[in-house]
Amino acid sequence: MLYGNESISQYTRGNVFIWMAMAFQAGVLNVGGFMACHRFVSHVTGFAAYFGYEVSEAKLGPALSMLTVPLFFLFGAMLSGQLVDLRLKLHKNPRYYFTFGVIFFLTLVVFLGGIFNFFGTFGEVQYLPRNNTLLALLCFICGIQNGTITTVSKSVVRTTHLTGITTDLGIGIMRILSKNKLKGEIPDEGKANLMRIGIIFFFGVGSLVGAFAFHHFQYGGFILPVVTSGFLFILMLYFHKFGKRQIPIKI
């Protein structure tokens, strides 16, 4: 599990559970942002496209407003860099529990803000400035999550969007099909491909479950990432305090 300088790229049962839980959580957050204000959350490319479209329509105000939202994904990645990447580079224990704690706190803010109507009517067709607040928070959460996992896995694992994972899966499949030619150059490629398929699957499951939850409970559906992030935060905190007594189980 995550403690000390152990890499999350190790294929232990604990790490695989964390990856899948975070992929599920990301699926819920993305479908929640889409259903609430008709924008995908961790799809930074999409925000750039929206920016170009708004400029072409001579809507400079909305265009600039749209451009600010993905900056929070960047800020989230920067925060994870400060708490995890830099500490690893300095040979210090990364503060996984702190990044997961921030994620839990922010998902709770999103849940409560929605319940108390801070973000306006759920699913309103017209895009309003208050939607930016919700999207900025969700982007910040995804930036922290993606930055943390990408850093400690050396870009092996990404959980908030599927473009990179799908690309890696395509490459990995061809490596497996060409294993006779590569002659032992890909010892973990089978496990890596299963991990990639698992992340895609659980992201999809999160999107599906989240869609049902948001359809029935609107902003109340954000209770799902509150529960998952809270559980992961407690898990990280536990292993920060007591994890050195545990022996990771290889799979």
C-alpha atoms as a PDB file:
ATOM      1  CA  MET A   1       0.000   0.000   0.000  1.00  0.00           C
ATOM      2  CA  LEU A   2       1.025   3.641  -0.148  1.00  0.00           C
ATOM      3  CA  TYR A   3       3.568   4.537   2.469  1.00  0.00           C
ATOM      4  CA  GLY A   4       7.150   5.746   2.524  1.00  0.00           C
ATOM      5  CA  ASN A   5       8.606   5.903  -0.968  1.00  0.00           C
ATOM      6  CA  GLU A   6       6.823   2.806  -2.262  1.00  0.00           C
ATOM      7  CA  SER A   7       5.670   3.221  -5.843  1.00  0.00           C
ATOM      8  CA  ILE A   8       1.983   2.941  -6.609  1.00  0.00           C
ATOM      9  CA  SER A   9       2.998   1.392  -9.940  1.00  0.00           C
ATOM     10  CA  GLN A  10       3.634  -1.907  -8.136  1.00  0.00           C
ATOM     11  CA  TYR A  11       0.950  -4.438  -8.957  1.00  0.00           C
ATOM     12  CA  THR A  12      -0.198  -5.173  -5.433  1.00  0.00           C
ATOM     13  CA  ARG A  13      -3.803  -5.868  -4.552  1.00  0.00           C
ATOM     14  CA  GLY A  14      -3.964  -2.715  -2.461  1.00  0.00           C
ATOM     15  CA  ASN A  15      -2.687  -0.510  -5.266  1.00  0.00           C
ATOM     16  CA  VAL A  16      -4.976  -2.053  -7.874  1.00  0.00           C
ATOM     17  CA  PHE A  17      -7.937  -1.436  -5.549  1.00  0.00           C
ATOM     18  CA  ILE A  18      -6.902   2.220  -5.229  1.00  0.00           C
ATOM     19  CA  TRP A  19      -6.605   2.652  -9.009  1.00  0.00           C
ATOM     20  CA  MET A  20     -10.026   1.160  -9.673  1.00  0.00           C
ATOM     21  CA  ALA A  21     -11.693   3.156  -6.890  1.00  0.00           C
ATOM     22  CA  MET A  22     -10.200   6.372  -8.256  1.00  0.00           C
ATOM     23  CA  ALA A  23     -11.266   5.511 -11.810  1.00  0.00           C
ATOM     24  CA  PHE A  24     -14.809   4.887 -10.524  1.00  0.00           C
ATOM     25  CA  GLN A  25     -14.709   8.211  -8.674  1.00  0.00           C
ATOM     26  CA  ALA A  26     -13.494  10.058 -11.769  1.00  0.00           C
ATOM     27  CA  GLY A  27     -16.328   8.572 -13.814  1.00  0.00           C
ATOM     28  CA  VAL A  28     -18.855   9.846 -11.280  1.00  0.00           C
ATOM     29  CA  LEU A  29     -17.297  13.326 -11.192  1.00  0.00           C
ATOM     30  CA  ASN A  30     -17.245  13.606 -14.971  1.00  0.00           C
ATOM     31  CA  VAL A  31     -20.828  12.539 -15.507  1.00  0.00           C
ATOM     32  CA  GLY A  32     -21.885  14.758 -12.602  1.00  0.00           C
ATOM     33  CA  GLY A  33     -20.272  17.817 -14.143  1.00  0.00           C
ATOM     34  CA  PHE A  34     -21.804  16.985 -17.515  1.00  0.00           C
ATOM     35  CA  MET A  35     -25.317  16.463 -16.181  1.00  0.00           C
ATOM     36  CA  ALA A  36     -25.138  19.537 -13.922  1.00  0.00           C
ATOM     37  CA  CYS A  37     -23.890  22.068 -16.482  1.00  0.00           C
ATOM     38  CA  HIS A  38     -23.291  20.197 -19.743  1.00  0.00           C
ATOM     39  CA  ARG A  39     -19.491  20.252 -19.621  1.00  0.00           C
ATOM     40  CA  PHE A  40     -17.033  17.428 -19.138  1.00  0.00           C
ATOM     41  CA  VAL A  41     -14.702  17.926 -16.195  1.00  0.00           C
ATOM     42  CA  SER A  42     -11.274  16.402 -16.834  1.00  0.00           C
ATOM     43  CA  HIS A  43     -11.392  16.854 -20.617  1.00  0.00           C
ATOM     44  CA  VAL A  44      -9.075  19.873 -20.904  1.00  0.00           C
ATOM     45  CA  THR A  45      -9.042  19.537 -24.706  1.00  0.00           C
ATOM     46  CA  GLY A  46     -12.788  20.089 -24.692  1.00  0.00           C
ATOM     47  CA  PHE A  47     -12.454  23.357 -22.803  1.00  0.00           C
ATOM     48  CA  ALA A  48      -9.965  24.580 -25.418  1.00  0.00           C
ATOM     49  CA  ALA A  49     -12.489  23.688 -28.120  1.00  0.00           C
ATOM     50  CA  TYR A  50     -15.253  25.527 -26.265  1.00  0.00           C
ATOM     51  CA  PHE A  51     -12.942  28.543 -25.973  1.00  0.00           C
ATOM     52  CA  GLY A  52     -12.325  28.590 -29.720  1.00  0.00           C
ATOM     53  CA  TYR A  53     -16.044  28.260 -30.424  1.00  0.00           C
ATOM     54  CA  GLU A  54     -16.994  31.123 -28.080  1.00  0.00           C
ATOM     55  CA  VAL A  55     -14.334  33.381 -29.649  1.00  0.00           C
ATOM     56  CA  SER A  56     -15.677  32.583 -33.143  1.00  0.00           C
ATOM     57  CA  GLU A  57     -19.113  33.663 -31.903  1.00  0.00           C
ATOM     58  CA  ALA A  58     -17.602  36.940 -30.623  1.00  0.00           C
ATOM     59  CA  LYS A  59     -18.475  35.992 -27.038  1.00  0.00           C
ATOM     60  CA  LEU A  60     -15.213  37.086 -25.454  1.00  0.00           C
ATOM     61  CA  GLY A  61     -16.531  37.172 -21.890  1.00  0.00           C
ATOM     62  CA  PRO A  62     -17.752  33.558 -21.886  1.00  0.00           C
ATOM     63  CA  ALA A  63     -14.632  32.528 -23.802  1.00  0.00           C
ATOM     64  CA  LEU A  64     -12.274  33.920 -21.179  1.00  0.00           C
ATOM     65  CA  SER A  65     -14.461  32.509 -18.424  1.00  0.00           C
ATOM     66  CA  MET A  66     -14.301  29.080 -20.070  1.00  0.00           C
ATOM     67  CA  LEU A  67     -10.536  29.315 -20.373  1.00  0.00           C
ATOM     68  CA  THR A  68     -10.081  29.849 -16.642  1.00  0.00           C
ATOM     69  CA  VAL A  69     -11.753  26.549 -15.697  1.00  0.00           C
ATOM     70  CA  PRO A  70      -9.038  24.118 -16.946  1.00  0.00           C
ATOM     71  CA  LEU A  71      -6.450  26.230 -15.135  1.00  0.00           C
ATOM     72  CA  PHE A  72      -7.794  24.671 -11.950  1.00  0.00           C
ATOM     73  CA  PHE A  73      -6.880  21.242 -13.314  1.00  0.00           C
ATOM     74  CA  LEU A  74      -3.360  22.656 -13.682  1.00  0.00           C
ATOM     75  CA  PHE A  75      -3.451  24.091 -10.137  1.00  0.00           C
ATOM     76  CA  GLY A  76      -4.543  20.711  -8.790  1.00  0.00           C
ATOM     77  CA  ALA A  77      -1.656  18.993 -10.564  1.00  0.00           C
ATOM     78  CA  MET A  78       0.710  21.650  -9.161  1.00  0.00           C
ATOM     79  CA  LEU A  79      -0.545  21.008  -5.630  1.00  0.00           C
ATOM     80  CA  SER A  80       0.055  17.278  -6.016  1.00  0.00           C
ATOM     81  CA  GLY A  81       3.499  18.117  -7.374  1.00  0.00           C
ATOM     82  CA  GLN A  82       4.276  20.082  -4.225  1.00  0.00           C
ATOM     83  CA  LEU A  83       2.986  17.416  -1.841  1.00  0.00           C
ATOM     84  CA  VAL A  84       4.146  14.300  -3.684  1.00  0.00           C
ATOM     85  CA  ASP A  85       6.551  14.800  -6.593  1.00  0.00           C
ATOM     86  CA  LEU A  86       8.920  17.297  -4.975  1.00  0.00           C
ATOM     87  CA  ARG A  87       9.065  15.276  -1.761  1.00  0.00           C
ATOM     88  CA  LEU A  88       9.925  12.142  -3.725  1.00  0.00           C
ATOM     89  CA  LYS A  89      12.665  14.034  -5.551  1.00  0.00           C
ATOM     90  CA  LEU A  90      14.005  15.230  -2.172  1.00  0.00           C
ATOM     91  CA  HIS A  91      13.862  11.651  -0.817  1.00  0.00           C
ATOM     92  CA  LYS A  92      11.179  12.546   1.697  1.00  0.00           C
ATOM     93  CA  ASN A  93       7.962  10.678   2.429  1.00  0.00           C
ATOM     94  CA  PRO A  94       5.243  11.899   0.025  1.00  0.00           C
ATOM     95  CA  ARG A  95       2.120  13.190   1.704  1.00  0.00           C
ATOM     96  CA  TYR A  96      -0.425  10.965  -0.004  1.00  0.00           C
ATOM     97  CA  TYR A  97      -2.823  11.296   2.879  1.00  0.00           C
ATOM     98  CA  PHE A  98      -2.823  15.086   2.509  1.00  0.00           C
ATOM     99  CA  THR A  99      -3.696  15.048  -1.205  1.00  0.00           C
ATOM    100  CA  PHE A 100      -6.450  12.500  -0.593  1.00  0.00           C
ATOM    101  CA  GLY A 101      -7.674  14.618   2.314  1.00  0.00           C
ATOM    102  CA  VAL A 102      -7.938  17.681   0.072  1.00  0.00           C
ATOM    103  CA  ILE A 103      -9.884  15.642  -2.487  1.00  0.00           C
ATOM    104  CA  PHE A 104     -12.280  14.448   0.209  1.00  0.00           C
ATOM    105  CA  PHE A 105     -12.779  17.966   1.552  1.00  0.00           C
ATOM    106  CA  LEU A 106     -13.451  19.423  -1.909  1.00  0.00           C
ATOM    107  CA  THR A 107     -15.917  16.693  -2.887  1.00  0.00           C
ATOM    108  CA  LEU A 108     -17.731  17.412   0.373  1.00  0.00           C
ATOM    109  CA  VAL A 109     -17.801  21.130  -0.534  1.00  0.00           C
ATOM    110  CA  VAL A 110     -19.245  20.263  -3.959  1.00  0.00           C
ATOM    111  CA  PHE A 111     -21.897  18.029  -2.386  1.00  0.00           C
ATOM    112  CA  LEU A 112     -22.956  20.582   0.213  1.00  0.00           C
ATOM    113  CA  GLY A 113     -22.780  23.470  -2.269  1.00  0.00           C
ATOM    114  CA  GLY A 114     -25.110  21.624  -4.591  1.00  0.00           C
ATOM    115  CA  ILE A 115     -27.532  20.622  -1.831  1.00  0.00           C
ATOM    116  CA  PHE A 116     -27.785  24.225  -0.643  1.00  0.00           C
ATOM    117  CA  ASN A 117     -28.275  25.539  -4.194  1.00  0.00           C
ATOM    118  CA  PHE A 118     -24.980  27.414  -4.375  1.00  0.00           C
ATOM    119  CA  PHE A 119     -24.420  26.236  -7.975  1.00  0.00           C
ATOM    120  CA  GLY A 120     -27.926  26.991  -9.179  1.00  0.00           C
ATOM    121  CA  THR A 121     -30.463  24.670 -10.780  1.00  0.00           C
ATOM    122  CA  PHE A 122     -29.110  21.229 -11.588  1.00  0.00           C
ATOM    123  CA  GLY A 123     -28.984  20.595 -15.328  1.00  0.00           C
ATOM    124  CA  GLU A 124     -30.065  24.074 -16.445  1.00  0.00           C
ATOM    125  CA  VAL A 125     -29.554  24.438 -20.183  1.00  0.00           C
ATOM    126  CA  GLN A 126     -28.122  27.952 -20.145  1.00  0.00           C
ATOM    127  CA  TYR A 127     -24.463  28.034 -19.117  1.00  0.00           C
ATOM    128  CA  LEU A 128     -24.062  30.547 -16.279  1.00  0.00           C
ATOM    129  CA  PRO A 129     -21.021  31.960 -14.426  1.00  0.00           C
ATOM    130  CA  ARG A 130     -21.889  30.017 -11.283  1.00  0.00           C
ATOM    131  CA  ASN A 131     -21.401  26.851 -13.324  1.00  0.00           C
ATOM    132  CA  ASN A 132     -17.742  27.848 -13.556  1.00  0.00           C
ATOM    133  CA  THR A 133     -17.395  27.531  -9.797  1.00  0.00           C
ATOM    134  CA  LEU A 134     -18.626  23.947  -9.855  1.00  0.00           C
ATOM    135  CA  LEU A 135     -16.479  23.030 -12.858  1.00  0.00           C
ATOM    136  CA  ALA A 136     -13.418  24.708 -11.346  1.00  0.00           C
ATOM    137  CA  LEU A 137     -13.790  22.686  -8.148  1.00  0.00           C
ATOM    138  CA  LEU A 138     -14.270  19.444 -10.070  1.00  0.00           C
ATOM    139  CA  CYS A 139     -11.291  20.219 -12.316  1.00  0.00           C
ATOM    140  CA  PHE A 140      -9.163  20.998  -9.265  1.00  0.00           C
ATOM    141  CA  ILE A 141     -10.130  17.653  -7.707  1.00  0.00           C
ATOM    142  CA  CYS A 142      -9.292  15.765 -10.896  1.00  0.00           C
ATOM    143  CA  GLY A 143      -6.001  17.639 -11.253  1.00  0.00           C
ATOM    144  CA  ILE A 144      -4.921  16.619  -7.762  1.00  0.00           C
ATOM    145  CA  GLN A 145      -5.964  13.012  -8.327  1.00  0.00           C
ATOM    146  CA  ASN A 146      -4.354  12.694 -11.744  1.00  0.00           C
ATOM    147  CA  GLY A 147      -1.182  14.501 -10.713  1.00  0.00           C
ATOM    148  CA  THR A 148      -0.705  12.308  -7.647  1.00  0.00           C
ATOM    149  CA  ILE A 149      -1.170   8.993  -9.427  1.00  0.00           C
ATOM    150  CA  THR A 150       0.748  10.015 -12.558  1.00  0.00           C
ATOM    151  CA  THR A 151       3.726  11.164 -10.517  1.00  0.00           C
ATOM    152  CA  VAL A 152       4.159   8.181  -8.250  1.00  0.00           C
ATOM    153  CA  SER A 153       3.454   5.657 -11.011  1.00  0.00           C
ATOM    154  CA  LYS A 154       5.908   7.343 -13.398  1.00  0.00           C
ATOM    155  CA  SER A 155       3.027   7.922 -15.835  1.00  0.00           C
ATOM    156  CA  VAL A 156       2.029   4.244 -15.811  1.00  0.00           C
ATOM    157  CA  VAL A 157      -1.393   4.929 -14.261  1.00  0.00           C
ATOM    158  CA  ARG A 158      -3.884   7.712 -15.009  1.00  0.00           C
ATOM    159  CA  THR A 159      -7.404   7.621 -13.652  1.00  0.00           C
ATOM    160  CA  THR A 160      -9.303  10.818 -14.511  1.00  0.00           C
ATOM    161  CA  HIS A 161      -9.482  10.482 -18.292  1.00  0.00           C
ATOM    162  CA  LEU A 162      -9.174   7.590 -20.710  1.00  0.00           C
ATOM    163  CA  THR A 163      -7.314   8.925 -23.759  1.00  0.00           C
ATOM    164  CA  GLY A 164      -3.837   8.094 -22.450  1.00  0.00           C
ATOM    165  CA  ILE A 165      -4.906   4.759 -20.961  1.00  0.00           C
ATOM    166  CA  THR A 166      -6.606   3.722 -24.210  1.00  0.00           C
ATOM    167  CA  THR A 167      -3.490   4.668 -26.169  1.00  0.00           C
ATOM    168  CA  ASP A 168      -1.328   2.656 -23.780  1.00  0.00           C
ATOM    169  CA  LEU A 169      -3.716  -0.281 -24.076  1.00  0.00           C
ATOM    170  CA  GLY A 170      -3.486  -0.250 -27.865  1.00  0.00           C
ATOM    171  CA  ILE A 171       0.313  -0.225 -27.697  1.00  0.00           C
ATOM    172  CA  GLY A 172       0.273  -2.898 -24.995  1.00  0.00           C
ATOM    173  CA  ILE A 173      -1.943  -5.201 -27.032  1.00  0.00           C
ATOM    174  CA  MET A 174       0.464  -5.007 -29.963  1.00  0.00           C
ATOM    175  CA  ARG A 175       3.368  -5.763 -27.626  1.00  0.00           C
ATOM    176  CA  ILE A 176       1.594  -8.881 -26.390  1.00  0.00           C
ATOM    177  CA  LEU A 177       0.806  -9.968 -29.950  1.00  0.00           C
ATOM    178  CA  SER A 178       4.468  -9.446 -30.848  1.00  0.00           C
ATOM    179  CA  LYS A 179       5.939 -11.003 -27.696  1.00  0.00           C
ATOM    180  CA  ASN A 180       7.786 -13.679 -29.671  1.00  0.00           C
ATOM    181  CA  LYS A 181       9.671 -10.991 -31.574  1.00  0.00           C
ATOM    182  CA  LEU A 182      10.381  -8.920 -28.458  1.00  0.00           C
ATOM    183  CA  LYS A 183      11.850 -11.912 -26.586  1.00  0.00           C
ATOM    184  CA  GLY A 184      11.167 -11.074 -22.951  1.00  0.00           C
ATOM    185  CA  GLU A 185      11.287  -7.278 -23.254  1.00  0.00           C
ATOM    186  CA  ILE A 186       7.745  -6.924 -21.839  1.00  0.00           C
ATOM    187  CA  PRO A 187       7.611  -8.939 -18.587  1.00  0.00           C
ATOM    188  CA  ASP A 188       4.703  -6.976 -17.000  1.00  0.00           C
ATOM    189  CA  GLU A 189       2.767  -6.043 -20.129  1.00  0.00           C
ATOM    190  CA  GLY A 190      -0.001  -8.567 -19.423  1.00  0.00           C
ATOM    191  CA  LYS A 191      -0.606  -7.116 -15.955  1.00  0.00           C
ATOM    192  CA  ALA A 192      -0.402  -3.586 -17.344  1.00  0.00           C
ATOM    193  CA  ASN A 193      -3.042  -4.337 -19.986  1.00  0.00           C
ATOM    194  CA  LEU A 194      -5.372  -5.848 -17.383  1.00  0.00           C
ATOM    195  CA  MET A 195      -4.868  -2.730 -15.260  1.00  0.00           C
ATOM    196  CA  ARG A 196      -5.708  -0.498 -18.242  1.00  0.00           C
ATOM    197  CA  ILE A 197      -8.832  -2.487 -19.052  1.00  0.00           C
ATOM    198  CA  GLY A 198      -9.835  -2.323 -15.386  1.00  0.00           C
ATOM    199  CA  ILE A 199      -9.475   1.456 -15.243  1.00  0.00           C
ATOM    200  CA  ILE A 200     -11.534   1.899 -18.418  1.00  0.00           C
ATOM    201  CA  PHE A 201     -14.174  -0.484 -17.056  1.00  0.00           C
ATOM    202  CA  PHE A 202     -14.466   1.146 -13.630  1.00  0.00           C
ATOM    203  CA  PHE A 203     -14.501   4.638 -15.137  1.00  0.00           C
ATOM    204  CA  GLY A 204     -17.445   3.453 -17.223  1.00  0.00           C
ATOM    205  CA  VAL A 205     -19.115   1.874 -14.194  1.00  0.00           C
ATOM    206  CA  GLY A 206     -18.662   5.122 -12.271  1.00  0.00           C
ATOM    207  CA  SER A 207     -20.225   7.052 -15.145  1.00  0.00           C
ATOM    208  CA  LEU A 208     -23.166   4.645 -15.314  1.00  0.00           C
ATOM    209  CA  VAL A 209     -23.821   4.512 -11.564  1.00  0.00           C
ATOM    210  CA  GLY A 210     -23.288   8.260 -11.315  1.00  0.00           C
ATOM    211  CA  ALA A 211     -25.748   8.940 -14.135  1.00  0.00           C
ATOM    212  CA  PHE A 212     -28.480   7.026 -12.301  1.00  0.00           C
ATOM    213  CA  ALA A 213     -27.626   8.771  -9.018  1.00  0.00           C
ATOM    214  CA  PHE A 214     -27.618  12.269 -10.520  1.00  0.00           C
ATOM    215  CA  HIS A 215     -30.789  11.565 -12.465  1.00  0.00           C
ATOM    216  CA  HIS A 216     -32.658  10.652  -9.284  1.00  0.00           C
ATOM    217  CA  PHE A 217     -30.917  12.822  -6.673  1.00  0.00           C
ATOM    218  CA  GLN A 218     -29.388  15.645  -8.762  1.00  0.00           C
ATOM    219  CA  TYR A 219     -26.604  17.291  -6.701  1.00  0.00           C
ATOM    220  CA  GLY A 220     -27.169  14.634  -4.065  1.00  0.00           C
ATOM    221  CA  GLY A 221     -25.391  12.227  -6.410  1.00  0.00           C
ATOM    222  CA  PHE A 222     -22.091  13.807  -5.385  1.00  0.00           C
ATOM    223  CA  ILE A 223     -22.382  11.810  -2.181  1.00  0.00           C
ATOM    224  CA  LEU A 224     -20.791   8.951  -4.163  1.00  0.00           C
ATOM    225  CA  PRO A 225     -17.368  10.637  -4.591  1.00  0.00           C
ATOM    226  CA  VAL A 226     -17.645  11.938  -1.015  1.00  0.00           C
ATOM    227  CA  VAL A 227     -17.867   8.322   0.189  1.00  0.00           C
ATOM    228  CA  THR A 228     -15.104   6.979  -2.080  1.00  0.00           C
ATOM    229  CA  SER A 229     -12.702   9.856  -1.432  1.00  0.00           C
ATOM    230  CA  GLY A 230     -13.425   9.740   2.304  1.00  0.00           C
ATOM    231  CA  PHE A 231     -12.692   6.030   2.398  1.00  0.00           C
ATOM    232  CA  LEU A 232      -9.450   6.479   0.435  1.00  0.00           C
ATOM    233  CA  PHE A 233      -8.407   9.351   2.700  1.00  0.00           C
ATOM    234  CA  ILE A 234      -8.897   7.216   5.811  1.00  0.00           C
ATOM    235  CA  LEU A 235      -7.008   4.389   4.103  1.00  0.00           C
ATOM    236  CA  MET A 236      -4.084   6.675   3.210  1.00  0.00           C
ATOM    237  CA  LEU A 237      -4.012   8.117   6.722  1.00  0.00           C
ATOM    238  CA  TYR A 238      -4.009   4.644   8.251  1.00  0.00           C
ATOM    239  CA  PHE A 239      -1.147   3.427   6.087  1.00  0.00           C
ATOM    240  CA  HIS A 240       0.775   6.627   6.725  1.00  0.00           C
ATOM    241  CA  LYS A 241       0.648   5.879  10.446  1.00  0.00           C
ATOM    242  CA  PHE A 242       0.760   2.080  10.480  1.00  0.00           C
ATOM    243  CA  GLY A 243       1.527   0.946   6.924  1.00  0.00           C
ATOM    244  CA  LYS A 244       5.151   0.011   7.542  1.00  0.00           C
ATOM    245  CA  ARG A 245       3.901  -2.924   9.546  1.00  0.00           C
ATOM    246  CA  GLN A 246       2.125  -4.293   6.482  1.00  0.00           C
ATOM    247  CA  ILE A 247       3.610  -6.494   3.756  1.00  0.00           C
ATOM    248  CA  PRO A 248       2.259  -5.678   0.290  1.00  0.00           C
ATOM    249  CA  ILE A 249       0.683  -8.704  -1.386  1.00  0.00           C
ATOM    250  CA  LYS A 250       1.857  -9.275  -4.957  1.00  0.00           C
ATOM    251  CA  ILE A 251      -0.713 -10.224  -7.572  1.00  0.00           C
END
